[in-house]
């Protein structure tokens, strides 16, 4: 799965790659493990993380 942050493919993306989730583009990419990604999703869904 690969989802771009904006509506164009020139923006940073969130991409699943096996047990990893890659966020960003090029040298500005962070790699999260499945459990780290799931923790981030839980924090967003619970309202602990909100829009800025």
N, C-alpha and C. Protein backbone atom coordinates (compact mmCIF):
# COMPACT_ATOMS: atom_id res chain seq x y z
N UNK A 1 0.85 -1.17 0.00
CA UNK A 1 0.00 0.00 0.00
C UNK A 1 0.89 1.23 0.00
N UNK A 2 0.52 2.22 -0.77
CA UNK A 2 1.25 3.49 -0.80
C UNK A 2 0.22 4.60 -0.91
N UNK A 3 0.24 5.51 0.07
CA UNK A 3 -0.71 6.62 0.11
C UNK A 3 0.09 7.92 0.15
N UNK A 4 -0.20 8.80 -0.79
CA UNK A 4 0.48 10.10 -0.82
C UNK A 4 -0.24 11.08 0.09
N UNK A 5 0.52 11.95 0.74
CA UNK A 5 -0.03 12.90 1.69
C UNK A 5 -0.92 13.93 1.00
N UNK A 6 -0.59 14.30 -0.23
CA UNK A 6 -1.46 15.19 -1.00
C UNK A 6 -2.08 14.38 -2.14
N UNK A 7 -2.76 15.04 -3.02
CA UNK A 7 -3.45 14.34 -4.11
C UNK A 7 -2.54 14.02 -5.29
N UNK A 8 -1.27 14.43 -5.23
CA UNK A 8 -0.35 14.19 -6.34
C UNK A 8 0.75 13.25 -5.87
N UNK A 9 1.33 12.50 -6.77
CA UNK A 9 2.38 11.55 -6.41
C UNK A 9 3.73 12.21 -6.18
N UNK A 10 3.79 13.54 -6.21
CA UNK A 10 5.05 14.24 -5.98
C UNK A 10 5.25 14.56 -4.49
N UNK A 11 4.26 14.30 -3.68
CA UNK A 11 4.32 14.61 -2.24
C UNK A 11 4.86 13.41 -1.46
N UNK A 12 5.25 13.63 -0.20
CA UNK A 12 5.69 12.51 0.64
C UNK A 12 4.58 11.45 0.74
N UNK A 13 4.98 10.23 1.03
CA UNK A 13 4.03 9.12 1.06
C UNK A 13 4.17 8.30 2.34
N UNK A 14 3.13 7.54 2.61
CA UNK A 14 3.13 6.52 3.64
C UNK A 14 3.03 5.20 2.88
N UNK A 15 4.01 4.31 3.08
CA UNK A 15 4.07 3.07 2.30
C UNK A 15 4.36 1.90 3.21
N UNK A 16 3.58 0.82 3.05
CA UNK A 16 3.88 -0.40 3.79
C UNK A 16 4.84 -1.23 2.97
N UNK A 17 5.79 -1.86 3.67
CA UNK A 17 6.82 -2.66 3.02
C UNK A 17 7.13 -3.82 3.96
N UNK A 18 6.40 -4.92 3.80
CA UNK A 18 6.58 -6.05 4.71
C UNK A 18 6.13 -5.67 6.11
N UNK A 19 7.03 -5.77 7.08
CA UNK A 19 6.71 -5.43 8.47
C UNK A 19 7.04 -3.99 8.79
N UNK A 20 7.41 -3.19 7.80
CA UNK A 20 7.78 -1.80 8.01
C UNK A 20 6.78 -0.85 7.36
N UNK A 21 6.70 0.35 7.93
CA UNK A 21 5.92 1.44 7.33
C UNK A 21 6.91 2.57 7.09
N UNK A 22 7.00 3.02 5.85
CA UNK A 22 7.90 4.10 5.48
C UNK A 22 7.09 5.37 5.32
N UNK A 23 7.56 6.47 5.96
CA UNK A 23 6.87 7.75 5.88
C UNK A 23 7.87 8.79 5.41
N UNK A 24 7.55 9.50 4.32
CA UNK A 24 8.43 10.56 3.83
C UNK A 24 8.80 10.36 2.39
N UNK A 25 9.98 10.90 2.04
CA UNK A 25 10.48 10.77 0.68
C UNK A 25 12.00 10.88 0.69
N UNK A 26 12.65 10.09 -0.13
CA UNK A 26 14.11 10.15 -0.27
C UNK A 26 14.84 10.02 1.06
N UNK A 27 15.80 10.93 1.27
CA UNK A 27 16.61 10.91 2.50
C UNK A 27 15.80 11.33 3.73
N UNK A 28 14.61 11.87 3.52
CA UNK A 28 13.74 12.31 4.62
C UNK A 28 12.65 11.29 4.89
N UNK A 29 13.06 10.04 5.04
CA UNK A 29 12.13 8.95 5.27
C UNK A 29 12.38 8.35 6.65
N UNK A 30 11.29 8.09 7.35
CA UNK A 30 11.38 7.41 8.64
C UNK A 30 10.77 6.03 8.48
N UNK A 31 11.33 5.05 9.18
CA UNK A 31 10.87 3.67 9.10
C UNK A 31 10.29 3.28 10.46
N UNK A 32 9.03 2.88 10.47
CA UNK A 32 8.38 2.40 11.69
C UNK A 32 8.11 0.91 11.55
N UNK A 33 8.26 0.18 12.64
CA UNK A 33 7.86 -1.23 12.67
C UNK A 33 6.34 -1.28 12.82
N UNK A 34 5.74 -2.44 12.54
CA UNK A 34 4.29 -2.59 12.61
C UNK A 34 3.73 -2.13 13.95
N UNK A 35 4.37 -2.54 15.05
CA UNK A 35 3.86 -2.18 16.37
C UNK A 35 3.96 -0.67 16.62
N UNK A 36 4.99 -0.01 16.09
CA UNK A 36 5.13 1.44 16.24
C UNK A 36 4.04 2.16 15.43
N UNK A 37 3.79 1.68 14.23
CA UNK A 37 2.74 2.25 13.40
C UNK A 37 1.38 2.09 14.08
N UNK A 38 1.12 0.89 14.59
CA UNK A 38 -0.16 0.63 15.25
C UNK A 38 -0.33 1.52 16.48
N UNK A 39 0.74 1.78 17.21
CA UNK A 39 0.68 2.69 18.37
C UNK A 39 0.33 4.10 17.91
N UNK A 40 0.93 4.56 16.82
CA UNK A 40 0.63 5.88 16.27
C UNK A 40 -0.84 5.97 15.88
N UNK A 41 -1.35 4.96 15.19
CA UNK A 41 -2.75 4.94 14.78
C UNK A 41 -3.66 4.97 16.00
N UNK A 42 -3.34 4.20 17.03
CA UNK A 42 -4.16 4.19 18.25
C UNK A 42 -4.19 5.56 18.91
N UNK A 43 -3.06 6.25 18.94
CA UNK A 43 -2.99 7.58 19.56
C UNK A 43 -3.82 8.59 18.77
N UNK A 44 -3.84 8.47 17.46
CA UNK A 44 -4.67 9.35 16.63
C UNK A 44 -6.15 9.04 16.87
N UNK A 45 -6.50 7.77 16.84
CA UNK A 45 -7.89 7.38 17.00
C UNK A 45 -8.44 7.71 18.39
N UNK A 46 -7.60 7.65 19.41
CA UNK A 46 -8.05 7.94 20.78
C UNK A 46 -8.17 9.44 21.04
N UNK A 47 -7.62 10.25 20.13
CA UNK A 47 -7.67 11.69 20.31
C UNK A 47 -6.44 12.25 21.01
N UNK A 48 -5.49 11.37 21.41
CA UNK A 48 -4.28 11.85 22.07
C UNK A 48 -3.45 12.71 21.12
N UNK A 49 -3.45 12.38 19.83
CA UNK A 49 -2.80 13.20 18.80
C UNK A 49 -3.89 13.85 17.98
N UNK A 50 -3.76 15.14 17.78
CA UNK A 50 -4.78 15.90 17.05
C UNK A 50 -4.12 16.74 15.96
N UNK A 51 -4.94 17.30 15.10
CA UNK A 51 -4.46 18.19 14.05
C UNK A 51 -3.80 19.41 14.67
N UNK A 52 -2.82 19.96 13.97
CA UNK A 52 -2.16 21.18 14.42
C UNK A 52 -2.80 22.39 13.79
